[in-house]
Amino acid sequence: MHAMQYEITLPADYDMGIIRERVATRGHLLDAFPGLGVKAYLMRERADGSPVNQYAPFYLWTAPEGMNAFLWGPGFQGIVDDFGRPVVQHWTGLGYTEGPAAASPPRTATRRRSPLPAGAAPAAAVEEALARHEAEARADGVVASALAVDPRHWELLALTLWAAEPPADAGERFRVLHLSAPERAKLPRGRQW
């Protein structure tokens, strides 16, 4: 599993209705994309208390071929044409868990990034993070949750999809405008090694 996200930060006075319309008219185009486990069309806006207006789609790929086909194909080129070429962050999957609300459509998402402590053994830190992730994924309202790592920066990323409002301390909050999940069933469950 590979996790991927790009963030398009927009001006404070940007009409976020444009993003909603974009997702409403184009979101379905990836509903059958090969190799895509999940794409959550995420947005946060200042009107909801976010520090920024931002469109920040998040992807879980079942294989690198799907991710590559998207990045080098017309889907990502549409983002480049409309907003410029964003930095594409990517992480290696550590774990994926379906939550108690797995059958519900997600309404919100939370993202938490945290550095692995410099003095910690990577394997021990990852095992501890994975145990915490699996426990948190069992919370009421969790649709699904993924844990991944960027070994270049030694950063952990936890992204959780929620059927309703998440707890206040769950991390950065986003609205889920649409979910494409053509190969969600193929995402490997649990620990990824």
C-alpha atoms as a PDB file:
ATOM      1  CA  MET A   1       0.000   0.000   0.000  1.00  0.00           C
ATOM      2  CA  HIS A   2       1.165   3.505  -0.844  1.00  0.00           C
ATOM      3  CA  ALA A   3      -0.320   6.687   0.600  1.00  0.00           C
ATOM      4  CA  MET A   4      -0.221   9.945  -1.367  1.00  0.00           C
ATOM      5  CA  GLN A   5      -1.485  13.475  -0.854  1.00  0.00           C
ATOM      6  CA  TYR A   6      -1.043  16.897  -2.372  1.00  0.00           C
ATOM      7  CA  GLU A   7      -2.281  20.118  -0.873  1.00  0.00           C
ATOM      8  CA  ILE A   8      -3.548  23.080  -2.846  1.00  0.00           C
ATOM      9  CA  THR A   9      -3.690  26.027  -0.482  1.00  0.00           C
ATOM     10  CA  LEU A  10      -5.991  28.735  -1.763  1.00  0.00           C
ATOM     11  CA  PRO A  11      -6.378  32.456  -0.952  1.00  0.00           C
ATOM     12  CA  ALA A  12      -8.344  33.419   2.156  1.00  0.00           C
ATOM     13  CA  ASP A  13     -11.110  34.922   0.006  1.00  0.00           C
ATOM     14  CA  TYR A  14     -11.248  32.028  -2.487  1.00  0.00           C
ATOM     15  CA  ASP A  15     -14.761  30.794  -3.291  1.00  0.00           C
ATOM     16  CA  MET A  16     -14.589  27.215  -1.996  1.00  0.00           C
ATOM     17  CA  GLY A  17     -17.800  26.517  -3.910  1.00  0.00           C
ATOM     18  CA  ILE A  18     -15.502  26.160  -6.936  1.00  0.00           C
ATOM     19  CA  ILE A  19     -13.810  23.180  -5.267  1.00  0.00           C
ATOM     20  CA  ARG A  20     -17.152  21.662  -4.294  1.00  0.00           C
ATOM     21  CA  GLU A  21     -18.356  22.016  -7.901  1.00  0.00           C
ATOM     22  CA  ARG A  22     -15.106  20.533  -9.236  1.00  0.00           C
ATOM     23  CA  VAL A  23     -15.505  17.448  -7.046  1.00  0.00           C
ATOM     24  CA  ALA A  24     -19.237  17.158  -7.776  1.00  0.00           C
ATOM     25  CA  THR A  25     -18.614  17.137 -11.541  1.00  0.00           C
ATOM     26  CA  ARG A  26     -15.282  15.273 -11.719  1.00  0.00           C
ATOM     27  CA  GLY A  27     -15.020  13.132  -8.586  1.00  0.00           C
ATOM     28  CA  HIS A  28     -16.754  10.155 -10.145  1.00  0.00           C
ATOM     29  CA  LEU A  29     -14.024   9.921 -12.824  1.00  0.00           C
ATOM     30  CA  LEU A  30     -11.825   7.867 -10.465  1.00  0.00           C
ATOM     31  CA  ASP A  31     -14.604   5.624  -9.153  1.00  0.00           C
ATOM     32  CA  ALA A  32     -13.233   2.757 -11.278  1.00  0.00           C
ATOM     33  CA  PHE A  33      -9.537   3.697 -11.543  1.00  0.00           C
ATOM     34  CA  PRO A  34      -7.297   0.585 -11.553  1.00  0.00           C
ATOM     35  CA  GLY A  35      -4.949   0.303  -8.585  1.00  0.00           C
ATOM     36  CA  LEU A  36      -6.785   2.911  -6.513  1.00  0.00           C
ATOM     37  CA  GLY A  37      -7.855   1.601  -3.140  1.00  0.00           C
ATOM     38  CA  VAL A  38      -9.308   4.882  -1.866  1.00  0.00           C
ATOM     39  CA  LYS A  39      -9.310   8.528  -2.864  1.00  0.00           C
ATOM     40  CA  ALA A  40     -10.820  10.867  -0.289  1.00  0.00           C
ATOM     41  CA  TYR A  41     -11.566  14.267  -1.800  1.00  0.00           C
ATOM     42  CA  LEU A  42     -10.649  16.395   1.207  1.00  0.00           C
ATOM     43  CA  MET A  43     -11.232  20.078   1.768  1.00  0.00           C
ATOM     44  CA  ARG A  44     -10.860  22.415   4.701  1.00  0.00           C
ATOM     45  CA  GLU A  45     -11.809  26.047   4.873  1.00  0.00           C
ATOM     46  CA  ARG A  46     -11.339  29.066   7.029  1.00  0.00           C
ATOM     47  CA  ALA A  47     -15.113  29.437   7.418  1.00  0.00           C
ATOM     48  CA  ASP A  48     -15.039  26.153   9.426  1.00  0.00           C
ATOM     49  CA  GLY A  49     -12.156  27.306  11.629  1.00  0.00           C
ATOM     50  CA  SER A  50      -9.275  25.958   9.532  1.00  0.00           C
ATOM     51  CA  PRO A  51      -6.171  28.157   9.348  1.00  0.00           C
ATOM     52  CA  VAL A  52      -6.327  27.875   5.523  1.00  0.00           C
ATOM     53  CA  ASN A  53      -8.595  27.217   2.583  1.00  0.00           C
ATOM     54  CA  GLN A  54      -7.259  24.018   1.107  1.00  0.00           C
ATOM     55  CA  TYR A  55      -8.086  21.225  -1.312  1.00  0.00           C
ATOM     56  CA  ALA A  56      -6.050  18.187  -0.241  1.00  0.00           C
ATOM     57  CA  PRO A  57      -7.028  14.862  -1.866  1.00  0.00           C
ATOM     58  CA  PHE A  58      -5.679  11.774  -0.115  1.00  0.00           C
ATOM     59  CA  TYR A  59      -5.024   8.456  -1.889  1.00  0.00           C
ATOM     60  CA  LEU A  60      -4.317   4.884  -0.839  1.00  0.00           C
ATOM     61  CA  TRP A  61      -2.944   2.856  -3.744  1.00  0.00           C
ATOM     62  CA  THR A  62      -2.952  -0.930  -3.873  1.00  0.00           C
ATOM     63  CA  ALA A  63       0.096  -0.915  -6.164  1.00  0.00           C
ATOM     64  CA  PRO A  64       2.609   1.635  -7.479  1.00  0.00           C
ATOM     65  CA  GLU A  65       1.421   1.055 -11.061  1.00  0.00           C
ATOM     66  CA  GLY A  66      -1.931   2.673 -10.259  1.00  0.00           C
ATOM     67  CA  MET A  67      -0.261   5.649  -8.600  1.00  0.00           C
ATOM     68  CA  ASN A  68       2.079   6.083 -11.559  1.00  0.00           C
ATOM     69  CA  ALA A  69      -0.753   5.797 -14.083  1.00  0.00           C
ATOM     70  CA  PHE A  70      -2.555   8.600 -12.257  1.00  0.00           C
ATOM     71  CA  LEU A  71       0.460  10.894 -11.834  1.00  0.00           C
ATOM     72  CA  TRP A  72       1.544  10.586 -15.481  1.00  0.00           C
ATOM     73  CA  GLY A  73      -1.977  10.600 -16.875  1.00  0.00           C
ATOM     74  CA  PRO A  74      -4.767  13.082 -17.589  1.00  0.00           C
ATOM     75  CA  GLY A  75      -6.202  13.055 -14.039  1.00  0.00           C
ATOM     76  CA  PHE A  76      -3.222  14.699 -12.393  1.00  0.00           C
ATOM     77  CA  GLN A  77      -2.574  16.848 -15.461  1.00  0.00           C
ATOM     78  CA  GLY A  78      -5.972  18.444 -14.813  1.00  0.00           C
ATOM     79  CA  ILE A  79      -4.735  19.547 -11.370  1.00  0.00           C
ATOM     80  CA  VAL A  80      -1.509  20.879 -12.907  1.00  0.00           C
ATOM     81  CA  ASP A  81      -3.439  22.769 -15.598  1.00  0.00           C
ATOM     82  CA  ASP A  82      -5.822  24.380 -13.098  1.00  0.00           C
ATOM     83  CA  PHE A  83      -3.611  25.003 -10.049  1.00  0.00           C
ATOM     84  CA  GLY A  84       0.020  24.481 -11.060  1.00  0.00           C
ATOM     85  CA  ARG A  85       2.107  21.456 -10.153  1.00  0.00           C
ATOM     86  CA  PRO A  86       1.811  20.741  -6.416  1.00  0.00           C
ATOM     87  CA  VAL A  87       4.316  18.850  -4.320  1.00  0.00           C
ATOM     88  CA  VAL A  88       3.110  15.256  -4.094  1.00  0.00           C
ATOM     89  CA  GLN A  89       3.795  13.777  -0.685  1.00  0.00           C
ATOM     90  CA  HIS A  90       3.923  10.005  -0.447  1.00  0.00           C
ATOM     91  CA  TRP A  91       4.394   7.474   2.281  1.00  0.00           C
ATOM     92  CA  THR A  92       4.943   3.735   2.517  1.00  0.00           C
ATOM     93  CA  GLY A  93       1.985   1.947   4.065  1.00  0.00           C
ATOM     94  CA  LEU A  94       2.358   0.488   7.544  1.00  0.00           C
ATOM     95  CA  GLY A  95      -1.225  -0.482   8.311  1.00  0.00           C
ATOM     96  CA  TYR A  96      -4.821  -0.192   7.141  1.00  0.00           C
ATOM     97  CA  THR A  97      -7.867  -0.917   9.287  1.00  0.00           C
ATOM     98  CA  GLU A  98     -11.592  -0.797   8.593  1.00  0.00           C
ATOM     99  CA  GLY A  99     -13.453   0.700  11.553  1.00  0.00           C
ATOM    100  CA  PRO A 100     -16.801  -0.022  13.202  1.00  0.00           C
ATOM    101  CA  ALA A 101     -18.541   2.367  10.761  1.00  0.00           C
ATOM    102  CA  ALA A 102     -16.934   0.815   7.658  1.00  0.00           C
ATOM    103  CA  ALA A 103     -20.301   0.516   5.895  1.00  0.00           C
ATOM    104  CA  SER A 104     -21.068   4.237   6.313  1.00  0.00           C
ATOM    105  CA  PRO A 105     -19.990   6.982   3.923  1.00  0.00           C
ATOM    106  CA  PRO A 106     -17.265   9.171   5.435  1.00  0.00           C
ATOM    107  CA  ARG A 107     -18.183  12.792   6.156  1.00  0.00           C
ATOM    108  CA  THR A 108     -14.974  13.977   7.785  1.00  0.00           C
ATOM    109  CA  ALA A 109     -11.320  13.019   7.937  1.00  0.00           C
ATOM    110  CA  THR A 110      -8.502  13.681  10.336  1.00  0.00           C
ATOM    111  CA  ARG A 111      -4.796  13.741   9.621  1.00  0.00           C
ATOM    112  CA  ARG A 112      -2.028  13.518  12.148  1.00  0.00           C
ATOM    113  CA  ARG A 113       1.655  13.812  11.257  1.00  0.00           C
ATOM    114  CA  SER A 114       4.363  13.105  13.793  1.00  0.00           C
ATOM    115  CA  PRO A 115       8.123  12.676  13.578  1.00  0.00           C
ATOM    116  CA  LEU A 116       9.712   9.448  14.734  1.00  0.00           C
ATOM    117  CA  PRO A 117      11.901  10.408  17.711  1.00  0.00           C
ATOM    118  CA  ALA A 118      15.507  10.847  16.598  1.00  0.00           C
ATOM    119  CA  GLY A 119      16.928   8.529  19.241  1.00  0.00           C
ATOM    120  CA  ALA A 120      14.330   5.793  18.856  1.00  0.00           C
ATOM    121  CA  ALA A 121      14.949   2.564  17.007  1.00  0.00           C
ATOM    122  CA  PRO A 122      12.793   2.808  13.843  1.00  0.00           C
ATOM    123  CA  ALA A 123      11.299  -0.688  14.237  1.00  0.00           C
ATOM    124  CA  ALA A 124      10.275  -0.091  17.857  1.00  0.00           C
ATOM    125  CA  ALA A 125       8.776   3.332  17.072  1.00  0.00           C
ATOM    126  CA  VAL A 126       6.810   1.931  14.139  1.00  0.00           C
ATOM    127  CA  GLU A 127       5.528  -1.038  16.179  1.00  0.00           C
ATOM    128  CA  GLU A 128       4.341   1.346  18.916  1.00  0.00           C
ATOM    129  CA  ALA A 129       2.653   3.634  16.365  1.00  0.00           C
ATOM    130  CA  LEU A 130       0.954   0.663  14.681  1.00  0.00           C
ATOM    131  CA  ALA A 131      -0.418  -0.636  17.996  1.00  0.00           C
ATOM    132  CA  ARG A 132      -1.788   2.853  18.771  1.00  0.00           C
ATOM    133  CA  HIS A 133      -3.241   3.097  15.254  1.00  0.00           C
ATOM    134  CA  GLU A 134      -5.065  -0.231  15.515  1.00  0.00           C
ATOM    135  CA  ALA A 135      -6.568   0.742  18.880  1.00  0.00           C
ATOM    136  CA  GLU A 136      -7.685   4.163  17.601  1.00  0.00           C
ATOM    137  CA  ALA A 137      -9.252   2.599  14.480  1.00  0.00           C
ATOM    138  CA  ARG A 138     -11.735   0.747  16.727  1.00  0.00           C
ATOM    139  CA  ALA A 139     -13.291   4.027  17.946  1.00  0.00           C
ATOM    140  CA  ASP A 140     -16.987   4.625  17.318  1.00  0.00           C
ATOM    141  CA  GLY A 141     -17.567   6.394  14.020  1.00  0.00           C
ATOM    142  CA  VAL A 142     -14.347   5.306  12.294  1.00  0.00           C
ATOM    143  CA  VAL A 143     -14.934   4.252   8.696  1.00  0.00           C
ATOM    144  CA  ALA A 144     -11.298   3.383   7.949  1.00  0.00           C
ATOM    145  CA  SER A 145      -7.840   4.416   9.041  1.00  0.00           C
ATOM    146  CA  ALA A 146      -4.380   4.205   7.497  1.00  0.00           C
ATOM    147  CA  LEU A 147      -0.908   4.568   8.976  1.00  0.00           C
ATOM    148  CA  ALA A 148       2.104   5.251   6.784  1.00  0.00           C
ATOM    149  CA  VAL A 149       5.712   6.447   7.074  1.00  0.00           C
ATOM    150  CA  ASP A 150       8.002   8.699   5.068  1.00  0.00           C
ATOM    151  CA  PRO A 151      11.464   7.229   5.730  1.00  0.00           C
ATOM    152  CA  ARG A 152      13.165  10.202   4.059  1.00  0.00           C
ATOM    153  CA  HIS A 153      11.940  12.539   6.793  1.00  0.00           C
ATOM    154  CA  TRP A 154      11.082   9.833   9.362  1.00  0.00           C
ATOM    155  CA  GLU A 155       7.533  11.107   9.626  1.00  0.00           C
ATOM    156  CA  LEU A 156       4.462   9.062  10.507  1.00  0.00           C
ATOM    157  CA  LEU A 157       1.116   9.906   8.935  1.00  0.00           C
ATOM    158  CA  ALA A 158      -2.230   8.731  10.275  1.00  0.00           C
ATOM    159  CA  LEU A 159      -5.350   9.454   8.234  1.00  0.00           C
ATOM    160  CA  THR A 160      -8.770   8.455   9.536  1.00  0.00           C
ATOM    161  CA  LEU A 161     -12.130   8.683   7.783  1.00  0.00           C
ATOM    162  CA  TRP A 162     -15.123   9.314  10.065  1.00  0.00           C
ATOM    163  CA  ALA A 163     -18.854   8.815   9.546  1.00  0.00           C
ATOM    164  CA  ALA A 164     -19.564  11.902  11.699  1.00  0.00           C
ATOM    165  CA  GLU A 165     -17.596  14.551  13.571  1.00  0.00           C
ATOM    166  CA  PRO A 166     -14.309  13.253  14.996  1.00  0.00           C
ATOM    167  CA  PRO A 167     -13.128  13.837  18.561  1.00  0.00           C
ATOM    168  CA  ALA A 168     -11.580  17.266  19.129  1.00  0.00           C
ATOM    169  CA  ASP A 169      -8.071  15.852  19.632  1.00  0.00           C
ATOM    170  CA  ALA A 170      -8.054  13.566  16.566  1.00  0.00           C
ATOM    171  CA  GLY A 171      -5.849  15.815  14.389  1.00  0.00           C
ATOM    172  CA  GLU A 172      -6.238  18.237  11.495  1.00  0.00           C
ATOM    173  CA  ARG A 173      -9.844  18.166  10.248  1.00  0.00           C
ATOM    174  CA  PHE A 174     -11.118  17.958   6.690  1.00  0.00           C
ATOM    175  CA  ARG A 175     -14.501  17.559   5.037  1.00  0.00           C
ATOM    176  CA  VAL A 176     -14.861  14.568   2.719  1.00  0.00           C
ATOM    177  CA  LEU A 177     -16.569  15.790  -0.450  1.00  0.00           C
ATOM    178  CA  HIS A 178     -16.525  12.412  -2.236  1.00  0.00           C
ATOM    179  CA  LEU A 179     -14.934   8.999  -1.831  1.00  0.00           C
ATOM    180  CA  SER A 180     -13.712   6.947  -4.781  1.00  0.00           C
ATOM    181  CA  ALA A 181     -12.977   3.421  -3.599  1.00  0.00           C
ATOM    182  CA  PRO A 182     -12.735   1.077  -6.590  1.00  0.00           C
ATOM    183  CA  GLU A 183     -10.229  -1.323  -4.972  1.00  0.00           C
ATOM    184  CA  ARG A 184     -10.848  -0.662  -1.277  1.00  0.00           C
ATOM    185  CA  ALA A 185     -11.432  -4.375  -0.731  1.00  0.00           C
ATOM    186  CA  LYS A 186      -7.937  -5.063  -2.099  1.00  0.00           C
ATOM    187  CA  LEU A 187      -6.166  -2.836   0.444  1.00  0.00           C
ATOM    188  CA  PRO A 188      -4.246  -5.193   2.720  1.00  0.00           C
ATOM    189  CA  ARG A 189      -5.643  -5.147   6.260  1.00  0.00           C
ATOM    190  CA  GLY A 190      -3.485  -4.729   9.303  1.00  0.00           C
ATOM    191  CA  ARG A 191       0.288  -4.661   9.401  1.00  0.00           C
ATOM    192  CA  GLN A 192       1.980  -4.274   5.996  1.00  0.00           C
ATOM    193  CA  TRP A 193       5.118  -6.373   6.555  1.00  0.00           C
END
